Amino acid sequence: MILIVSCLKKPKAKEAKQHNILFIAIDDLRPDLGIYNNTVVKSPNLDAIGNEGVVFNNHFVTAPTCGASRAGLLTGLLPRDSIDITNEVFSEKIAKQKDSPKTESFVHFLRQKGYYTVGVGKISHSPDGLIYGYGDEIGTEWELPKSWDEMLLDLGNWGTGWNSFFAYSGGKNRTDENKNLKPYEKANVSDEGYPDGLILKTALKKLNELSEKKEPFFLGVGFFKPHLPFNSPKKYWDLYDRNQIKTSPNPEIPKNVNLKSLHSSHELNQYKKGEEKASLQKPLSEHYSKKLIHAYYASISYIDNQVGKLMTELEQLGLSDNTIIILWGDHGWHLGDHRIWGKHTLFERSLKSTFIIKAPQIKKGSKVNEIVSSIDLYPTLMELCGFSKPNRLDGQSLVPLLKFQSPDWSNVAYSYYNRGISVRNERFRLTKYFRENEEEPNIELYDHINDPNETTNIAKQEPMIVQKLLKLIDQGDFGIYKNKN
């Protein structure tokens, strides 16, 4: 087993033990779980966390791409620069501030307060926390150089973190195969026949070690699936009857939109042996759509089983009652919605993701319908742990919602991508694009009471609502699109 380890000088631990924190990040996990009323997907262990905690029904990320979304969550900040909405935000910005006195993430903050911090798998953007390209040798610089006591990844037979991330069974990977692969695989292997099983194995070992420590711990476990390729052991595919799987309820391009708001599904289409190519010209066939959704659901079930084993170990070690558990998907995913297969849009499907918190003394089995953002986690953890939050954070603590104290909640979430800013409130999503030459339409408005699938842009029909929400857009506009017209 190859483990990548960062050993940094440790601040003195606090005498009084705080709550431990288990943070579980699941890549590309939209709210397609039983706890979110999906009656087909098999996710009993993830659902169990929701039944023991608080489920957020309307959680939105700051950007529909992995690195930028994770940066928003970890820093508690909305984007101020164009680099902040790219996957390079860690390598090109945060890592280069390692000599700055500023706290780089909430993990770093907890470490400063005496927590022992361990990351296993993908927590920032890179699968192993190191900076290097997909086909390069393993890097030597850390994306979060001040945050971790240990950063771990079992590379198995795949050799590098990125090869592991795009792994196929038997040690194959997307890069070495030059993408001459299908976007899914069901191999007759054990859970450890793919990297997520190895991530679980490492997390279990580390959890046992952390249980013996005197100081509180933060353990981040970042699973790769259901990110493409949709690969998982065959036994998880066998859980499903494909005839019961439903295709997208909104497979058509929304009315009254500029096609630049959409994309041609390159993330899926780059797999050269896919049976069909997605496009905006027509939906994929029902047969192939169901096969891909089947693969996505099997990947969820694979991760669900890993999380179940992690929860069992936490319970057996006697840590459950003093551990805050965060379950988070880094963004959503279009499964044929709007003829798109992927993320990278400012539509609801790309921005809405799984978010569940289970914490000591918090009411169990509840659901929150207020609009919340990933940037709210940082101040929430500070309050749950009894720390004063840094003044610079953009997010607001979710603790009042967790305790159902009926606060004066803002109900606003901002997202940024594709030269656009989108704001979501209780009823509407308004998106403004800063396109060259102001190509029309550059304003989109969707009514989530009457049109939850965002099938029709009603901006021209509702000018008063647009003007009201544009004022909110202005509040979230930090000038990241420098060459606005």
Protein backbone atom coordinates (compact mmCIF):
# COMPACT_ATOMS: atom_id res chain seq x y z
CA MET A 1 0.00 0.00 0.00
CA ILE A 2 1.28 3.45 -0.90
CA LEU A 3 0.23 6.23 1.44
CA ILE A 4 0.96 9.89 0.90
CA VAL A 5 1.50 11.55 4.26
CA SER A 6 1.99 15.15 5.28
CA CYS A 7 3.53 15.67 8.71
CA LEU A 8 3.38 19.30 9.79
CA LYS A 9 4.30 20.97 13.07
CA LYS A 10 1.36 20.52 15.41
CA PRO A 11 -0.11 23.23 17.65
CA LYS A 12 -0.68 22.27 21.26
CA ALA A 13 -3.98 20.44 21.78
CA LYS A 14 -6.74 21.89 23.96
CA GLU A 15 -7.19 20.25 27.35
CA ALA A 16 -10.98 20.00 27.07
CA LYS A 17 -11.99 17.68 24.25
CA GLN A 18 -14.31 19.14 21.64
CA HIS A 19 -16.68 17.24 19.40
CA ASN A 20 -14.93 15.13 16.80
CA ILE A 21 -15.88 15.83 13.17
CA LEU A 22 -16.35 13.28 10.40
CA PHE A 23 -16.73 14.99 7.03
CA ILE A 24 -17.78 12.80 4.10
CA ALA A 25 -17.48 14.31 0.63
CA ILE A 26 -19.07 12.38 -2.24
CA ASP A 27 -18.16 13.55 -5.73
CA ASP A 28 -21.00 14.50 -8.12
CA LEU A 29 -23.72 13.37 -5.71
CA ARG A 30 -26.93 15.17 -6.55
CA PRO A 31 -29.81 14.65 -4.08
CA ASP A 32 -30.74 11.27 -5.55
CA LEU A 33 -31.14 9.27 -2.34
CA GLY A 34 -34.05 7.59 -0.64
CA ILE A 35 -34.02 10.32 2.00
CA TYR A 36 -34.61 12.79 -0.85
CA ASN A 37 -37.61 10.76 -2.07
CA ASN A 38 -35.92 8.83 -4.86
CA THR A 39 -37.77 5.52 -4.63
CA VAL A 40 -35.48 3.63 -7.04
CA VAL A 41 -31.94 4.27 -5.81
CA LYS A 42 -30.60 1.93 -3.09
CA SER A 43 -28.99 4.10 -0.41
CA PRO A 44 -29.96 2.72 3.01
CA ASN A 45 -26.81 3.78 4.85
CA LEU A 46 -26.79 7.34 3.54
CA ASP A 47 -30.50 7.50 4.32
CA ALA A 48 -29.80 6.33 7.87
CA ILE A 49 -27.56 9.36 8.45
CA GLY A 50 -30.41 11.55 7.27
CA ASN A 51 -32.85 9.76 9.55
CA GLU A 52 -30.51 10.43 12.48
CA GLY A 53 -29.69 13.99 11.47
CA VAL A 54 -31.01 16.98 9.55
CA VAL A 55 -31.51 16.83 5.79
CA PHE A 56 -31.23 20.06 3.80
CA ASN A 57 -33.67 19.89 0.88
CA ASN A 58 -32.45 23.08 -0.78
CA HIS A 59 -28.68 23.16 -0.55
CA PHE A 60 -26.72 24.84 -3.36
CA VAL A 61 -23.04 25.02 -4.21
CA THR A 62 -21.15 28.14 -5.22
CA ALA A 63 -19.87 26.66 -8.50
CA PRO A 64 -20.83 23.57 -10.52
CA THR A 65 -17.28 22.23 -10.79
CA CYS A 66 -15.32 20.21 -8.25
CA GLY A 67 -12.41 22.44 -7.28
CA ALA A 68 -14.32 25.71 -7.09
CA SER A 69 -17.22 24.16 -5.19
CA ARG A 70 -14.88 22.63 -2.63
CA ALA A 71 -12.99 25.90 -2.27
CA GLY A 72 -16.22 27.72 -1.47
CA LEU A 73 -17.12 25.14 1.15
CA LEU A 74 -13.67 25.05 2.77
CA THR A 75 -13.12 28.82 2.86
CA GLY A 76 -16.68 29.94 3.58
CA LEU A 77 -16.30 32.57 0.87
CA LEU A 78 -18.03 33.54 -2.35
CA PRO A 79 -15.69 34.01 -5.32
CA ARG A 80 -13.84 37.32 -5.60
CA ASP A 81 -11.59 36.47 -8.58
CA SER A 82 -12.08 34.62 -11.83
CA ILE A 83 -9.70 31.89 -10.59
CA ASP A 84 -12.15 31.19 -7.76
CA ILE A 85 -14.64 29.54 -10.12
CA THR A 86 -12.12 27.14 -11.68
CA ASN A 87 -10.60 23.84 -10.63
CA GLU A 88 -7.24 25.63 -10.37
CA VAL A 89 -8.27 27.74 -7.37
CA PHE A 90 -6.28 25.53 -4.97
CA SER A 91 -3.11 25.26 -7.05
CA GLU A 92 -3.07 28.83 -8.36
CA LYS A 93 -4.36 30.72 -5.35
CA ILE A 94 -4.70 28.96 -2.01
CA ALA A 95 -1.48 26.94 -2.18
CA LYS A 96 0.49 30.05 -3.15
CA GLN A 97 -0.63 31.78 0.05
CA LYS A 98 1.09 29.26 2.30
CA ASP A 99 3.25 31.98 3.87
CA SER A 100 0.23 34.19 4.55
CA PRO A 101 -1.01 34.50 8.14
CA LYS A 102 -4.57 33.99 6.89
CA THR A 103 -6.41 30.79 7.68
CA GLU A 104 -6.70 28.84 4.42
CA SER A 105 -9.72 26.64 5.28
CA PHE A 106 -11.95 25.57 8.14
CA VAL A 107 -9.74 22.48 8.46
CA HIS A 108 -6.76 24.77 9.07
CA PHE A 109 -8.83 26.74 11.59
CA LEU A 110 -9.70 23.56 13.49
CA ARG A 111 -6.06 22.51 13.41
CA GLN A 112 -5.09 25.83 14.94
CA LYS A 113 -7.60 25.13 17.71
CA GLY A 114 -5.99 21.79 18.58
CA TYR A 115 -7.75 19.33 16.31
CA TYR A 116 -5.77 16.52 14.73
CA THR A 117 -6.70 16.72 11.06
CA VAL A 118 -6.63 13.82 8.61
CA GLY A 119 -7.82 13.70 5.01
CA VAL A 120 -8.41 10.46 3.12
CA GLY A 121 -9.16 10.74 -0.59
CA LYS A 122 -10.54 13.78 -2.36
CA ILE A 123 -11.26 16.71 -0.05
CA SER A 124 -9.90 19.64 -2.06
CA HIS A 125 -9.64 19.15 -5.84
CA SER A 126 -6.82 16.66 -6.29
CA PRO A 127 -7.60 13.05 -5.26
CA ASP A 128 -4.57 12.98 -2.96
CA GLY A 129 -4.29 16.68 -2.08
CA LEU A 130 -1.17 17.21 -4.21
CA ILE A 131 -0.75 19.50 -7.21
CA TYR A 132 -0.09 17.82 -10.57
CA GLY A 133 -1.81 17.16 -13.90
CA TYR A 134 -3.81 14.12 -14.95
CA GLY A 135 -0.96 12.39 -16.80
CA ASP A 136 1.94 13.72 -14.72
CA GLU A 137 4.06 12.15 -12.02
CA ILE A 138 2.84 12.68 -8.45
CA GLY A 139 3.43 16.27 -7.33
CA THR A 140 5.25 17.49 -4.26
CA GLU A 141 3.23 20.61 -3.37
CA TRP A 142 0.02 20.52 -1.36
CA GLU A 143 -3.25 22.18 -2.34
CA LEU A 144 -3.91 22.96 1.34
CA PRO A 145 -0.39 23.18 2.79
CA LYS A 146 -1.47 24.34 6.26
CA SER A 147 -4.59 22.26 6.83
CA TRP A 148 -3.54 18.66 7.30
CA ASP A 149 -1.59 16.67 9.85
CA GLU A 150 -1.97 13.73 7.47
CA MET A 151 -3.24 13.41 3.91
CA LEU A 152 -3.69 9.79 2.81
CA LEU A 153 -4.52 7.82 -0.29
CA ASP A 154 -3.98 4.14 -1.04
CA LEU A 155 -3.00 4.11 -4.71
CA GLY A 156 -3.50 0.36 -5.14
CA ASN A 157 -2.44 -0.74 -8.63
CA TRP A 158 -3.14 2.63 -10.20
CA GLY A 159 0.11 4.44 -9.43
CA THR A 160 -1.07 8.04 -9.03
CA GLY A 161 -3.99 9.83 -7.45
CA TRP A 162 -5.43 10.91 -10.79
CA ASN A 163 -5.13 7.39 -12.19
CA SER A 164 -7.04 6.22 -9.13
CA PHE A 165 -9.68 8.84 -9.66
CA PHE A 166 -10.29 7.69 -13.23
CA ALA A 167 -9.75 4.03 -12.41
CA TYR A 168 -11.03 0.92 -14.12
CA SER A 169 -10.64 -2.56 -12.65
CA GLY A 170 -7.32 -4.37 -12.78
CA GLY A 171 -5.21 -1.21 -12.56
CA LYS A 172 -6.42 0.34 -15.83
CA ASN A 173 -7.16 4.06 -15.95
CA ARG A 174 -8.55 6.64 -18.35
CA THR A 175 -5.27 8.42 -19.07
CA ASP A 176 -3.18 5.37 -19.93
CA GLU A 177 -5.98 4.00 -22.12
CA ASN A 178 -6.20 7.33 -23.98
CA LYS A 179 -9.94 7.42 -23.14
CA ASN A 180 -10.63 4.39 -25.36
CA LEU A 181 -13.13 3.19 -22.79
CA LYS A 182 -16.80 3.18 -21.98
CA PRO A 183 -18.04 5.74 -19.43
CA TYR A 184 -19.08 2.90 -17.12
CA GLU A 185 -17.89 -0.51 -15.97
CA LYS A 186 -19.31 -3.34 -13.86
CA ALA A 187 -16.47 -5.65 -12.93
CA ASN A 188 -16.91 -8.80 -10.88
CA VAL A 189 -14.55 -7.58 -8.15
CA SER A 190 -14.69 -6.89 -4.43
CA ASP A 191 -15.19 -3.39 -3.07
CA GLU A 192 -11.41 -2.99 -2.95
CA GLY A 193 -11.24 -3.77 -6.66
CA TYR A 194 -11.89 -0.05 -7.16
CA PRO A 195 -10.21 2.84 -5.29
CA ASP A 196 -13.20 3.80 -3.13
CA GLY A 197 -12.94 0.47 -1.33
CA LEU A 198 -9.30 1.30 -0.56
CA ILE A 199 -10.32 4.76 0.64
CA LEU A 200 -12.73 3.10 3.06
CA LYS A 201 -10.04 0.67 4.23
CA THR A 202 -7.65 3.54 4.98
CA ALA A 203 -10.37 5.55 6.71
CA LEU A 204 -11.25 2.62 9.00
CA LYS A 205 -7.62 2.14 9.97
CA LYS A 206 -7.17 5.83 10.66
CA LEU A 207 -10.43 6.08 12.61
CA ASN A 208 -9.18 3.40 14.98
CA GLU A 209 -5.94 5.30 15.49
CA LEU A 210 -7.77 8.59 16.05
CA SER A 211 -10.00 6.99 18.68
CA GLU A 212 -6.91 6.55 20.87
CA LYS A 213 -5.85 10.20 20.70
CA LYS A 214 -6.49 12.67 23.49
CA GLU A 215 -7.18 15.62 21.22
CA PRO A 216 -10.34 15.88 19.10
CA PHE A 217 -10.05 14.95 15.46
CA PHE A 218 -11.29 16.07 12.09
CA LEU A 219 -11.45 13.17 9.64
CA GLY A 220 -12.30 14.04 6.06
CA VAL A 221 -13.16 11.12 3.78
CA GLY A 222 -13.54 11.98 0.10
CA PHE A 223 -15.09 9.26 -2.06
CA PHE A 224 -14.66 9.40 -5.85
CA LYS A 225 -17.92 7.92 -7.10
CA PRO A 226 -20.42 8.61 -8.56
CA HIS A 227 -18.07 10.82 -10.60
CA LEU A 228 -17.46 9.59 -14.15
CA PRO A 229 -16.56 6.96 -15.15
CA PHE A 230 -19.54 5.28 -13.48
CA ASN A 231 -17.56 2.20 -12.39
CA SER A 232 -18.50 -0.07 -9.51
CA PRO A 233 -18.50 -3.77 -8.59
CA LYS A 234 -21.11 -5.82 -10.42
CA LYS A 235 -22.99 -6.67 -7.21
CA TYR A 236 -24.17 -3.05 -6.99
CA TRP A 237 -25.47 -3.11 -10.55
CA ASP A 238 -27.35 -6.28 -9.64
CA LEU A 239 -29.39 -4.37 -7.05
CA TYR A 240 -31.41 -2.75 -9.83
CA ASP A 241 -34.06 -3.71 -12.32
CA ARG A 242 -33.35 -1.35 -15.20
CA ASN A 243 -37.01 -1.41 -16.19
CA GLN A 244 -37.78 0.42 -12.95
CA ILE A 245 -35.32 3.24 -13.68
CA LYS A 246 -36.88 6.46 -14.94
CA THR A 247 -35.24 8.83 -17.37
CA SER A 248 -35.11 12.61 -16.98
CA PRO A 249 -38.45 14.40 -16.42
CA ASN A 250 -37.12 17.37 -18.44
CA PRO A 251 -35.05 16.09 -21.38
CA GLU A 252 -35.74 19.10 -23.62
CA ILE A 253 -33.88 22.40 -23.93
CA PRO A 254 -35.65 25.08 -21.87
CA LYS A 255 -37.73 27.58 -23.81
CA ASN A 256 -36.44 31.14 -24.30
CA VAL A 257 -32.78 30.46 -23.52
CA ASN A 258 -29.49 31.08 -25.28
CA LEU A 259 -27.81 27.76 -26.07
CA LYS A 260 -24.65 29.17 -24.49
CA SER A 261 -26.33 28.55 -21.13
CA LEU A 262 -26.02 24.83 -21.91
CA HIS A 263 -23.17 22.63 -23.16
CA SER A 264 -22.49 19.61 -25.35
CA SER A 265 -21.69 17.07 -22.58
CA HIS A 266 -17.95 16.81 -23.26
CA GLU A 267 -17.36 15.17 -19.89
CA LEU A 268 -19.38 12.15 -20.99
CA ASN A 269 -18.52 12.21 -24.67
CA GLN A 270 -14.74 12.07 -24.12
CA TYR A 271 -15.12 8.34 -23.33
CA LYS A 272 -14.58 7.09 -26.87
CA LYS A 273 -16.37 3.75 -26.56
CA GLY A 274 -19.65 5.16 -25.33
CA GLU A 275 -22.52 3.71 -27.34
CA GLU A 276 -23.98 7.14 -28.15
CA LYS A 277 -22.83 10.75 -28.06
CA ALA A 278 -24.87 13.29 -26.14
CA SER A 279 -25.75 16.55 -27.91
CA LEU A 280 -28.17 19.45 -27.76
CA GLN A 281 -29.70 18.34 -31.05
CA LYS A 282 -31.61 15.41 -29.59
CA PRO A 283 -31.82 13.39 -26.34
CA LEU A 284 -29.98 10.12 -25.96
CA SER A 285 -32.09 7.04 -26.58
CA GLU A 286 -34.18 5.77 -23.69
CA HIS A 287 -32.17 2.54 -23.70
CA TYR A 288 -28.79 4.26 -23.32
CA SER A 289 -30.14 6.87 -20.92
CA LYS A 290 -31.38 4.12 -18.60
CA LYS A 291 -28.06 2.31 -18.83
CA LEU A 292 -26.15 5.44 -17.76
CA ILE A 293 -28.56 6.21 -14.93
CA HIS A 294 -28.29 2.57 -13.86
CA ALA A 295 -24.50 2.99 -13.76
CA TYR A 296 -24.80 6.22 -11.75
CA TYR A 297 -27.16 4.60 -9.24
CA ALA A 298 -24.89 1.55 -8.90
CA SER A 299 -22.02 3.91 -8.10
CA ILE A 300 -24.14 5.57 -5.41
CA SER A 301 -24.95 2.16 -3.89
CA TYR A 302 -21.26 1.27 -3.92
CA ILE A 303 -20.42 4.40 -1.94
CA ASP A 304 -23.45 3.87 0.29
CA ASN A 305 -22.00 0.54 1.40
CA GLN A 306 -18.61 2.13 2.13
CA VAL A 307 -20.26 4.82 4.23
CA GLY A 308 -22.28 2.19 6.06
CA LYS A 309 -19.09 0.39 7.10
CA LEU A 310 -17.61 3.69 8.26
CA MET A 311 -20.69 4.43 10.39
CA THR A 312 -20.59 0.96 11.91
CA GLU A 313 -16.95 1.41 12.90
CA LEU A 314 -17.68 4.83 14.41
CA GLU A 315 -20.42 3.25 16.51
CA GLN A 316 -18.33 0.27 17.60
CA LEU A 317 -15.51 2.58 18.69
CA GLY A 318 -17.94 4.47 20.92
CA LEU A 319 -17.45 7.71 19.00
CA SER A 320 -20.94 8.31 17.62
CA ASP A 321 -22.31 10.36 20.49
CA ASN A 322 -19.48 12.89 20.36
CA THR A 323 -18.98 13.18 16.60
CA ILE A 324 -20.46 15.71 14.21
CA ILE A 325 -21.12 14.02 10.86
CA ILE A 326 -21.29 16.03 7.65
CA LEU A 327 -22.43 14.35 4.42
CA TRP A 328 -21.92 16.56 1.36
CA GLY A 329 -22.08 16.27 -2.42
CA ASP A 330 -19.84 18.79 -4.18
CA HIS A 331 -22.49 19.64 -6.81
CA GLY A 332 -25.31 18.12 -8.80
CA TRP A 333 -25.33 16.46 -12.21
CA HIS A 334 -27.59 16.48 -15.26
CA LEU A 335 -28.67 12.92 -16.03
CA GLY A 336 -30.10 13.91 -19.40
CA ASP A 337 -31.87 16.95 -17.98
CA HIS A 338 -31.98 19.68 -20.66
CA ARG A 339 -30.20 17.14 -22.94
CA ILE A 340 -27.08 17.49 -20.77
CA TRP A 341 -24.97 14.75 -19.21
CA GLY A 342 -22.64 16.46 -16.74
CA LYS A 343 -22.47 19.49 -14.46
CA HIS A 344 -21.01 22.90 -15.49
CA THR A 345 -24.29 24.81 -15.82
CA LEU A 346 -26.17 27.33 -13.70
CA PHE A 347 -29.34 25.26 -13.73
CA GLU A 348 -30.83 23.70 -10.61
CA ARG A 349 -29.72 20.16 -11.50
CA SER A 350 -26.07 21.19 -11.54
CA LEU A 351 -26.13 23.39 -8.43
CA LYS A 352 -28.29 21.42 -5.99
CA SER A 353 -26.59 18.64 -4.04
CA THR A 354 -26.83 16.34 -1.05
CA PHE A 355 -26.23 17.95 2.35
CA ILE A 356 -26.92 16.30 5.71
CA ILE A 357 -25.70 17.16 9.21
CA LYS A 358 -25.86 14.82 12.19
CA ALA A 359 -24.66 16.39 15.41
CA PRO A 360 -24.95 15.79 19.16
CA GLN A 361 -27.99 17.45 20.73
CA ILE A 362 -29.54 18.20 17.34
CA LYS A 363 -33.09 17.03 16.61
CA LYS A 364 -33.08 13.75 14.68
CA GLY A 365 -34.83 12.92 11.45
CA SER A 366 -35.77 16.43 10.39
CA LYS A 367 -35.80 18.21 7.06
CA VAL A 368 -34.99 21.85 6.38
CA ASN A 369 -36.55 23.57 3.37
CA GLU A 370 -34.80 26.92 3.68
CA ILE A 371 -32.29 27.91 0.98
CA VAL A 372 -28.74 27.25 2.17
CA SER A 373 -25.27 27.40 0.62
CA SER A 374 -22.07 25.40 0.96
CA ILE A 375 -20.39 28.50 2.39
CA ASP A 376 -22.62 28.09 5.46
CA LEU A 377 -20.77 25.00 6.71
CA TYR A 378 -17.69 26.87 7.97
CA PRO A 379 -19.56 29.14 10.44
CA THR A 380 -21.84 26.24 11.37
CA LEU A 381 -18.91 24.08 12.49
CA MET A 382 -17.45 27.00 14.43
CA GLU A 383 -20.68 27.44 16.40
CA LEU A 384 -21.18 23.71 16.97
CA CYS A 385 -17.64 23.48 18.32
CA GLY A 386 -17.96 26.61 20.46
CA PHE A 387 -15.51 28.78 18.51
CA SER A 388 -15.93 32.36 17.38
CA LYS A 389 -16.06 32.49 13.60
CA PRO A 390 -13.62 34.62 11.59
CA ASN A 391 -15.20 37.95 10.63
CA ARG A 392 -14.40 37.58 6.93
CA LEU A 393 -16.76 34.66 6.20
CA ASP A 394 -19.63 35.10 3.75
CA GLY A 395 -21.68 32.19 5.06
CA GLN A 396 -24.07 32.15 7.99
CA SER A 397 -24.32 29.52 10.71
CA LEU A 398 -26.97 26.88 10.14
CA VAL A 399 -27.29 26.13 13.86
CA PRO A 400 -30.58 28.06 14.21
CA LEU A 401 -32.01 25.94 11.40
CA LEU A 402 -30.63 22.79 12.98
CA LYS A 403 -32.41 23.72 16.20
CA PHE A 404 -35.59 24.87 14.39
CA GLN A 405 -35.62 28.25 16.12
CA SER A 406 -37.43 29.98 13.21
CA PRO A 407 -34.71 32.52 12.53
CA ASP A 408 -34.91 35.45 10.14
CA TRP A 409 -33.13 33.44 7.46
CA SER A 410 -31.93 35.14 4.27
CA ASN A 411 -32.99 32.28 1.95
CA VAL A 412 -30.48 33.28 -0.71
CA ALA A 413 -27.78 31.19 -2.39
CA TYR A 414 -25.34 32.42 -5.06
CA SER A 415 -23.65 30.37 -7.76
CA TYR A 416 -21.14 31.34 -10.45
CA TYR A 417 -20.04 29.81 -13.75
CA ASN A 418 -20.02 30.19 -17.53
CA ARG A 419 -19.79 34.00 -17.30
CA GLY A 420 -22.94 34.04 -15.22
CA ILE A 421 -24.18 34.69 -11.70
CA SER A 422 -27.24 32.86 -10.41
CA VAL A 423 -29.26 33.59 -7.28
CA ARG A 424 -31.83 31.24 -5.76
CA ASN A 425 -34.46 32.27 -3.23
CA GLU A 426 -37.51 30.46 -1.86
CA ARG A 427 -39.35 30.56 -5.16
CA PHE A 428 -37.21 31.79 -8.04
CA ARG A 429 -33.87 31.26 -9.71
CA LEU A 430 -32.54 34.29 -11.56
CA THR A 431 -29.39 33.98 -13.66
CA LYS A 432 -27.57 36.85 -15.33
CA TYR A 433 -24.93 36.19 -17.98
CA PHE A 434 -22.16 38.63 -18.88
CA ARG A 435 -21.72 37.48 -22.43
CA GLU A 436 -19.75 39.27 -25.11
CA ASN A 437 -21.92 41.73 -27.07
CA GLU A 438 -24.72 41.06 -24.59
CA GLU A 439 -26.06 38.14 -26.60
CA GLU A 440 -29.74 37.65 -25.81
CA PRO A 441 -31.31 36.40 -23.75
CA ASN A 442 -28.80 37.10 -21.00
CA ILE A 443 -31.35 37.01 -18.17
CA GLU A 444 -33.12 33.81 -17.17
CA LEU A 445 -35.88 33.47 -14.56
CA TYR A 446 -37.42 30.20 -13.40
CA ASP A 447 -40.40 29.79 -11.09
CA HIS A 448 -39.74 26.77 -8.87
CA ILE A 449 -43.30 26.56 -7.63
CA ASN A 450 -44.90 26.35 -11.07
CA ASP A 451 -41.91 25.03 -13.01
CA PRO A 452 -39.55 23.02 -10.75
CA ASN A 453 -37.80 21.44 -13.73
CA GLU A 454 -36.85 24.82 -15.21
CA THR A 455 -38.47 24.20 -18.58
CA THR A 456 -39.27 27.84 -19.46
CA ASN A 457 -37.40 31.10 -18.96
CA ILE A 458 -40.08 33.62 -17.93
CA ALA A 459 -37.83 36.69 -17.54
CA LYS A 460 -39.64 38.71 -20.19
CA GLN A 461 -43.03 37.90 -18.68
CA GLU A 462 -42.03 38.98 -15.15
CA PRO A 463 -40.01 42.24 -15.40
CA MET A 464 -40.81 43.37 -11.85
CA ILE A 465 -39.56 40.12 -10.32
CA VAL A 466 -36.44 40.32 -12.51
CA GLN A 467 -35.67 43.86 -11.34
CA LYS A 468 -36.10 42.85 -7.70
CA LEU A 469 -33.80 39.84 -8.04
CA LEU A 470 -31.21 41.77 -10.06
CA LYS A 471 -30.60 43.80 -6.89
CA LEU A 472 -29.68 40.52 -5.17
CA ILE A 473 -27.41 39.65 -8.10
CA ASP A 474 -25.62 42.97 -7.61
CA GLN A 475 -24.99 42.11 -3.96
CA GLY A 476 -23.26 38.89 -5.01
CA ASP A 477 -21.31 40.42 -7.91
CA PHE A 478 -17.67 40.89 -6.91
CA GLY A 479 -16.48 41.68 -10.41
CA ILE A 480 -15.17 38.25 -11.32
CA TYR A 481 -16.16 38.76 -14.94
CA LYS A 482 -13.69 41.55 -15.60
CA ASN A 483 -14.59 42.40 -19.19
CA LYS A 484 -18.31 42.91 -18.67
CA ASN A 485 -20.03 45.06 -21.28
